[in-house]
Amino acid sequence: MAAGFVTSGGLGVAGLSVFSWMYKYLTGKHPPGADQLDHAKARLASKARDIKDAAQHRVDQAHGS
């Protein structure tokens, strides 16, 4: 039973930490790790653009042939 209380308390603290970090990030403050998140978002956006451009190129080729 004690282990359950300790576990739930630890998970509660972890959850509060995550929400605190998210609040700081979304309000424009610069919490630790924000640079890595921004970099990952930029890479995902770039890859999505590449895939979209490749698909458009294939559609254009199909209509041109």
PDB file of N, CA and C in Angstrom:
ATOM      1  N   MET A   1       0.830  -1.187   0.000  1.00  0.00           N
ATOM      2  CA  MET A   1       0.000   0.000   0.000  1.00  0.00           C
ATOM      3  C   MET A   1       0.876   1.253   0.000  1.00  0.00           C
ATOM      4  N   ALA A   2       1.935   1.206   0.776  1.00  0.00           N
ATOM      5  CA  ALA A   2       2.850   2.349   0.822  1.00  0.00           C
ATOM      6  C   ALA A   2       3.487   2.580  -0.545  1.00  0.00           C
ATOM      7  N   ALA A   3       3.815   1.482  -1.233  1.00  0.00           N
ATOM      8  CA  ALA A   3       4.411   1.614  -2.566  1.00  0.00           C
ATOM      9  C   ALA A   3       3.432   2.295  -3.522  1.00  0.00           C
ATOM     10  N   GLY A   4       2.166   2.012  -3.389  1.00  0.00           N
ATOM     11  CA  GLY A   4       1.159   2.655  -4.229  1.00  0.00           C
ATOM     12  C   GLY A   4       1.088   4.151  -4.000  1.00  0.00           C
ATOM     13  N   PHE A   5       1.147   4.560  -2.714  1.00  0.00           N
ATOM     14  CA  PHE A   5       1.133   5.991  -2.404  1.00  0.00           C
ATOM     15  C   PHE A   5       2.379   6.690  -2.936  1.00  0.00           C
ATOM     16  N   VAL A   6       3.520   6.045  -2.785  1.00  0.00           N
ATOM     17  CA  VAL A   6       4.771   6.630  -3.279  1.00  0.00           C
ATOM     18  C   VAL A   6       4.730   6.750  -4.801  1.00  0.00           C
ATOM     19  N   THR A   7       4.239   5.700  -5.453  1.00  0.00           N
ATOM     20  CA  THR A   7       4.143   5.717  -6.912  1.00  0.00           C
ATOM     21  C   THR A   7       3.191   6.800  -7.387  1.00  0.00           C
ATOM     22  N   SER A   8       2.017   6.890  -6.778  1.00  0.00           N
ATOM     23  CA  SER A   8       1.052   7.901  -7.211  1.00  0.00           C
ATOM     24  C   SER A   8       1.582   9.307  -6.949  1.00  0.00           C
ATOM     25  N   GLY A   9       2.274   9.489  -5.851  1.00  0.00           N
ATOM     26  CA  GLY A   9       2.878  10.798  -5.571  1.00  0.00           C
ATOM     27  C   GLY A   9       3.943  11.159  -6.592  1.00  0.00           C
ATOM     28  N   GLY A  10       4.769  10.181  -6.945  1.00  0.00           N
ATOM     29  CA  GLY A  10       5.807  10.422  -7.951  1.00  0.00           C
ATOM     30  C   GLY A  10       5.226  10.740  -9.309  1.00  0.00           C
ATOM     31  N   LEU A  11       4.175  10.018  -9.684  1.00  0.00           N
ATOM     32  CA  LEU A  11       3.528  10.297 -10.958  1.00  0.00           C
ATOM     33  C   LEU A  11       2.853  11.661 -10.951  1.00  0.00           C
ATOM     34  N   GLY A  12       2.303  12.040  -9.817  1.00  0.00           N
ATOM     35  CA  GLY A  12       1.694  13.370  -9.698  1.00  0.00           C
ATOM     36  C   GLY A  12       2.728  14.474  -9.879  1.00  0.00           C
ATOM     37  N   VAL A  13       3.879  14.310  -9.255  1.00  0.00           N
ATOM     38  CA  VAL A  13       4.958  15.302  -9.388  1.00  0.00           C
ATOM     39  C   VAL A  13       5.451  15.351 -10.830  1.00  0.00           C
ATOM     40  N   ALA A  14       5.592  14.190 -11.450  1.00  0.00           N
ATOM     41  CA  ALA A  14       6.035  14.149 -12.843  1.00  0.00           C
ATOM     42  C   ALA A  14       5.020  14.852 -13.748  1.00  0.00           C
ATOM     43  N   GLY A  15       3.744  14.595 -13.514  1.00  0.00           N
ATOM     44  CA  GLY A  15       2.704  15.247 -14.314  1.00  0.00           C
ATOM     45  C   GLY A  15       2.715  16.754 -14.157  1.00  0.00           C
ATOM     46  N   LEU A  16       2.864  17.220 -12.940  1.00  0.00           N
ATOM     47  CA  LEU A  16       2.935  18.663 -12.697  1.00  0.00           C
ATOM     48  C   LEU A  16       4.155  19.272 -13.386  1.00  0.00           C
ATOM     49  N   SER A  17       5.262  18.551 -13.366  1.00  0.00           N
ATOM     50  CA  SER A  17       6.473  19.042 -14.029  1.00  0.00           C
ATOM     51  C   SER A  17       6.250  19.179 -15.536  1.00  0.00           C
ATOM     52  N   VAL A  18       5.600  18.189 -16.111  1.00  0.00           N
ATOM     53  CA  VAL A  18       5.327  18.238 -17.553  1.00  0.00           C
ATOM     54  C   VAL A  18       4.404  19.407 -17.885  1.00  0.00           C
ATOM     55  N   PHE A  19       3.347  19.571 -17.114  1.00  0.00           N
ATOM     56  CA  PHE A  19       2.425  20.687 -17.376  1.00  0.00           C
ATOM     57  C   PHE A  19       3.098  22.036 -17.169  1.00  0.00           C
ATOM     58  N   SER A  20       3.968  22.121 -16.191  1.00  0.00           N
ATOM     59  CA  SER A  20       4.709  23.360 -15.955  1.00  0.00           C
ATOM     60  C   SER A  20       5.602  23.670 -17.150  1.00  0.00           C
ATOM     61  N   TRP A  21       6.309  22.659 -17.657  1.00  0.00           N
ATOM     62  CA  TRP A  21       7.189  22.856 -18.811  1.00  0.00           C
ATOM     63  C   TRP A  21       6.379  23.295 -20.023  1.00  0.00           C
ATOM     64  N   MET A  22       5.251  22.613 -20.255  1.00  0.00           N
ATOM     65  CA  MET A  22       4.406  22.959 -21.401  1.00  0.00           C
ATOM     66  C   MET A  22       3.879  24.384 -21.291  1.00  0.00           C
ATOM     67  N   TYR A  23       3.474  24.786 -20.092  1.00  0.00           N
ATOM     68  CA  TYR A  23       2.973  26.144 -19.889  1.00  0.00           C
ATOM     69  C   TYR A  23       4.063  27.163 -20.212  1.00  0.00           C
ATOM     70  N   LYS A  24       5.252  26.925 -19.712  1.00  0.00           N
ATOM     71  CA  LYS A  24       6.364  27.844 -19.985  1.00  0.00           C
ATOM     72  C   LYS A  24       6.657  27.906 -21.474  1.00  0.00           C
ATOM     73  N   TYR A  25       6.641  26.763 -22.137  1.00  0.00           N
ATOM     74  CA  TYR A  25       6.943  26.721 -23.568  1.00  0.00           C
ATOM     75  C   TYR A  25       5.872  27.457 -24.366  1.00  0.00           C
ATOM     76  N   LEU A  26       4.613  27.203 -24.042  1.00  0.00           N
ATOM     77  CA  LEU A  26       3.511  27.798 -24.805  1.00  0.00           C
ATOM     78  C   LEU A  26       3.342  29.286 -24.540  1.00  0.00           C
ATOM     79  N   THR A  27       3.830  29.767 -23.397  1.00  0.00           N
ATOM     80  CA  THR A  27       3.717  31.193 -23.104  1.00  0.00           C
ATOM     81  C   THR A  27       4.939  31.972 -23.571  1.00  0.00           C
ATOM     82  N   GLY A  28       5.859  31.302 -24.277  1.00  0.00           N
ATOM     83  CA  GLY A  28       6.981  31.999 -24.874  1.00  0.00           C
ATOM     84  C   GLY A  28       8.243  32.025 -24.029  1.00  0.00           C
ATOM     85  N   LYS A  29       8.182  31.464 -22.836  1.00  0.00           N
ATOM     86  CA  LYS A  29       9.402  31.380 -22.043  1.00  0.00           C
ATOM     87  C   LYS A  29      10.266  30.291 -22.669  1.00  0.00           C
ATOM     88  N   HIS A  30      11.468  30.118 -22.200  1.00  0.00           N
ATOM     89  CA  HIS A  30      12.394  29.185 -22.837  1.00  0.00           C
ATOM     90  C   HIS A  30      12.841  28.119 -21.848  1.00  0.00           C
ATOM     91  N   PRO A  31      11.988  27.086 -21.608  1.00  0.00           N
ATOM     92  CA  PRO A  31      12.384  26.035 -20.670  1.00  0.00           C
ATOM     93  C   PRO A  31      13.480  25.148 -21.262  1.00  0.00           C
ATOM     94  N   PRO A  32      14.177  24.399 -20.412  1.00  0.00           N
ATOM     95  CA  PRO A  32      15.218  23.494 -20.921  1.00  0.00           C
ATOM     96  C   PRO A  32      14.631  22.495 -21.922  1.00  0.00           C
ATOM     97  N   GLY A  33      15.331  22.299 -23.028  1.00  0.00           N
ATOM     98  CA  GLY A  33      14.876  21.363 -24.049  1.00  0.00           C
ATOM     99  C   GLY A  33      14.038  21.997 -25.138  1.00  0.00           C
ATOM    100  N   ALA A  34      13.694  23.267 -25.010  1.00  0.00           N
ATOM    101  CA  ALA A  34      12.849  23.923 -26.010  1.00  0.00           C
ATOM    102  C   ALA A  34      13.553  23.991 -27.360  1.00  0.00           C
ATOM    103  N   ASP A  35      14.870  24.195 -27.351  1.00  0.00           N
ATOM    104  CA  ASP A  35      15.613  24.255 -28.617  1.00  0.00           C
ATOM    105  C   ASP A  35      15.502  22.935 -29.372  1.00  0.00           C
ATOM    106  N   GLN A  36      15.623  21.828 -28.646  1.00  0.00           N
ATOM    107  CA  GLN A  36      15.537  20.527 -29.295  1.00  0.00           C
ATOM    108  C   GLN A  36      14.144  20.285 -29.864  1.00  0.00           C
ATOM    109  N   LEU A  37      13.122  20.714 -29.152  1.00  0.00           N
ATOM    110  CA  LEU A  37      11.756  20.564 -29.641  1.00  0.00           C
ATOM    111  C   LEU A  37      11.545  21.413 -30.892  1.00  0.00           C
ATOM    112  N   ASP A  38      12.034  22.648 -30.878  1.00  0.00           N
ATOM    113  CA  ASP A  38      11.901  23.517 -32.043  1.00  0.00           C
ATOM    114  C   ASP A  38      12.631  22.930 -33.249  1.00  0.00           C
ATOM    115  N   HIS A  39      13.808  22.370 -33.011  1.00  0.00           N
ATOM    116  CA  HIS A  39      14.584  21.770 -34.091  1.00  0.00           C
ATOM    117  C   HIS A  39      13.834  20.569 -34.671  1.00  0.00           C
ATOM    118  N   ALA A  40      13.266  19.739 -33.813  1.00  0.00           N
ATOM    119  CA  ALA A  40      12.515  18.567 -34.275  1.00  0.00           C
ATOM    120  C   ALA A  40      11.293  18.998 -35.076  1.00  0.00           C
ATOM    121  N   LYS A  41      10.603  20.040 -34.625  1.00  0.00           N
ATOM    122  CA  LYS A  41       9.432  20.534 -35.369  1.00  0.00           C
ATOM    123  C   LYS A  41       9.842  21.029 -36.748  1.00  0.00           C
ATOM    124  N   ALA A  42      10.966  21.727 -36.827  1.00  0.00           N
ATOM    125  CA  ALA A  42      11.434  22.242 -38.114  1.00  0.00           C
ATOM    126  C   ALA A  42      11.807  21.099 -39.054  1.00  0.00           C
ATOM    127  N   ARG A  43      12.437  20.057 -38.527  1.00  0.00           N
ATOM    128  CA  ARG A  43      12.800  18.914 -39.361  1.00  0.00           C
ATOM    129  C   ARG A  43      11.562  18.190 -39.872  1.00  0.00           C
ATOM    130  N   LEU A  44      10.547  18.036 -39.006  1.00  0.00           N
ATOM    131  CA  LEU A  44       9.307  17.389 -39.443  1.00  0.00           C
ATOM    132  C   LEU A  44       8.605  18.206 -40.516  1.00  0.00           C
ATOM    133  N   ALA A  45       8.578  19.515 -40.350  1.00  0.00           N
ATOM    134  CA  ALA A  45       7.941  20.381 -41.341  1.00  0.00           C
ATOM    135  C   ALA A  45       8.681  20.300 -42.669  1.00  0.00           C
ATOM    136  N   SER A  46       9.994  20.272 -42.617  1.00  0.00           N
ATOM    137  CA  SER A  46      10.802  20.176 -43.827  1.00  0.00           C
ATOM    138  C   SER A  46      10.553  18.852 -44.544  1.00  0.00           C
ATOM    139  N   LYS A  47      10.504  17.768 -43.788  1.00  0.00           N
ATOM    140  CA  LYS A  47      10.262  16.454 -44.382  1.00  0.00           C
ATOM    141  C   LYS A  47       8.855  16.396 -44.989  1.00  0.00           C
ATOM    142  N   ALA A  48       7.872  16.988 -44.322  1.00  0.00           N
ATOM    143  CA  ALA A  48       6.510  17.012 -44.856  1.00  0.00           C
ATOM    144  C   ALA A  48       6.465  17.782 -46.177  1.00  0.00           C
ATOM    145  N   ARG A  49       7.196  18.905 -46.244  1.00  0.00           N
ATOM    146  CA  ARG A  49       7.263  19.674 -47.489  1.00  0.00           C
ATOM    147  C   ARG A  49       7.903  18.843 -48.601  1.00  0.00           C
ATOM    148  N   ASP A  50       8.984  18.117 -48.272  1.00  0.00           N
ATOM    149  CA  ASP A  50       9.657  17.277 -49.263  1.00  0.00           C
ATOM    150  C   ASP A  50       8.703  16.213 -49.814  1.00  0.00           C
ATOM    151  N   ILE A  51       7.943  15.580 -48.937  1.00  0.00           N
ATOM    152  CA  ILE A  51       7.002  14.532 -49.357  1.00  0.00           C
ATOM    153  C   ILE A  51       5.903  15.132 -50.223  1.00  0.00           C
ATOM    154  N   LYS A  52       5.402  16.295 -49.836  1.00  0.00           N
ATOM    155  CA  LYS A  52       4.357  16.966 -50.615  1.00  0.00           C
ATOM    156  C   LYS A  52       4.872  17.326 -52.006  1.00  0.00           C
ATOM    157  N   ASP A  53       6.096  17.869 -52.065  1.00  0.00           N
ATOM    158  CA  ASP A  53       6.672  18.238 -53.356  1.00  0.00           C
ATOM    159  C   ASP A  53       6.886  17.012 -54.240  1.00  0.00           C
ATOM    160  N   ALA A  54       7.354  15.905 -53.655  1.00  0.00           N
ATOM    161  CA  ALA A  54       7.564  14.677 -54.426  1.00  0.00           C
ATOM    162  C   ALA A  54       6.235  14.147 -54.956  1.00  0.00           C
ATOM    163  N   ALA A  55       5.199  14.187 -54.140  1.00  0.00           N
ATOM    164  CA  ALA A  55       3.880  13.720 -54.581  1.00  0.00           C
ATOM    165  C   ALA A  55       3.348  14.607 -55.702  1.00  0.00           C
ATOM    166  N   GLN A  56       3.523  15.915 -55.559  1.00  0.00           N
ATOM    167  CA  GLN A  56       3.058  16.835 -56.600  1.00  0.00           C
ATOM    168  C   GLN A  56       3.807  16.597 -57.904  1.00  0.00           C
ATOM    169  N   HIS A  57       5.101  16.324 -57.796  1.00  0.00           N
ATOM    170  CA  HIS A  57       5.912  16.047 -58.982  1.00  0.00           C
ATOM    171  C   HIS A  57       5.396  14.795 -59.691  1.00  0.00           C
ATOM    172  N   ARG A  58       5.046  13.767 -58.927  1.00  0.00           N
ATOM    173  CA  ARG A  58       4.517  12.536 -59.531  1.00  0.00           C
ATOM    174  C   ARG A  58       3.161  12.769 -60.186  1.00  0.00           C
ATOM    175  N   VAL A  59       2.322  13.579 -59.552  1.00  0.00           N
ATOM    176  CA  VAL A  59       1.011  13.900 -60.143  1.00  0.00           C
ATOM    177  C   VAL A  59       1.214  14.664 -61.446  1.00  0.00           C
ATOM    178  N   ASP A  60       2.131  15.624 -61.423  1.00  0.00           N
ATOM    179  CA  ASP A  60       2.409  16.409 -62.640  1.00  0.00           C
ATOM    180  C   ASP A  60       2.935  15.504 -63.754  1.00  0.00           C
ATOM    181  N   GLN A  61       3.809  14.544 -63.417  1.00  0.00           N
ATOM    182  CA  GLN A  61       4.323  13.623 -64.419  1.00  0.00           C
ATOM    183  C   GLN A  61       3.206  12.746 -64.992  1.00  0.00           C
ATOM    184  N   ALA A  62       2.292  12.302 -64.129  1.00  0.00           N
ATOM    185  CA  ALA A  62       1.211  11.443 -64.586  1.00  0.00           C
ATOM    186  C   ALA A  62       0.288  12.201 -65.538  1.00  0.00           C
ATOM    187  N   HIS A  63       0.049  13.479 -65.259  1.00  0.00           N
ATOM    188  CA  HIS A  63      -0.814  14.266 -66.131  1.00  0.00           C
ATOM    189  C   HIS A  63      -0.106  14.691 -67.412  1.00  0.00           C
ATOM    190  N   GLY A  64       1.203  14.782 -67.351  1.00  0.00           N
ATOM    191  CA  GLY A  64       1.970  15.211 -68.525  1.00  0.00           C
ATOM    192  C   GLY A  64       2.212  14.105 -69.515  1.00  0.00           C
ATOM    193  N   SER A  65       2.193  12.867 -69.069  1.00  0.00           N
ATOM    194  CA  SER A  65       2.510  11.743 -69.968  1.00  0.00           C
ATOM    195  C   SER A  65       1.313  11.245 -70.711  1.00  0.00           C
TER     196      SER A  65
END
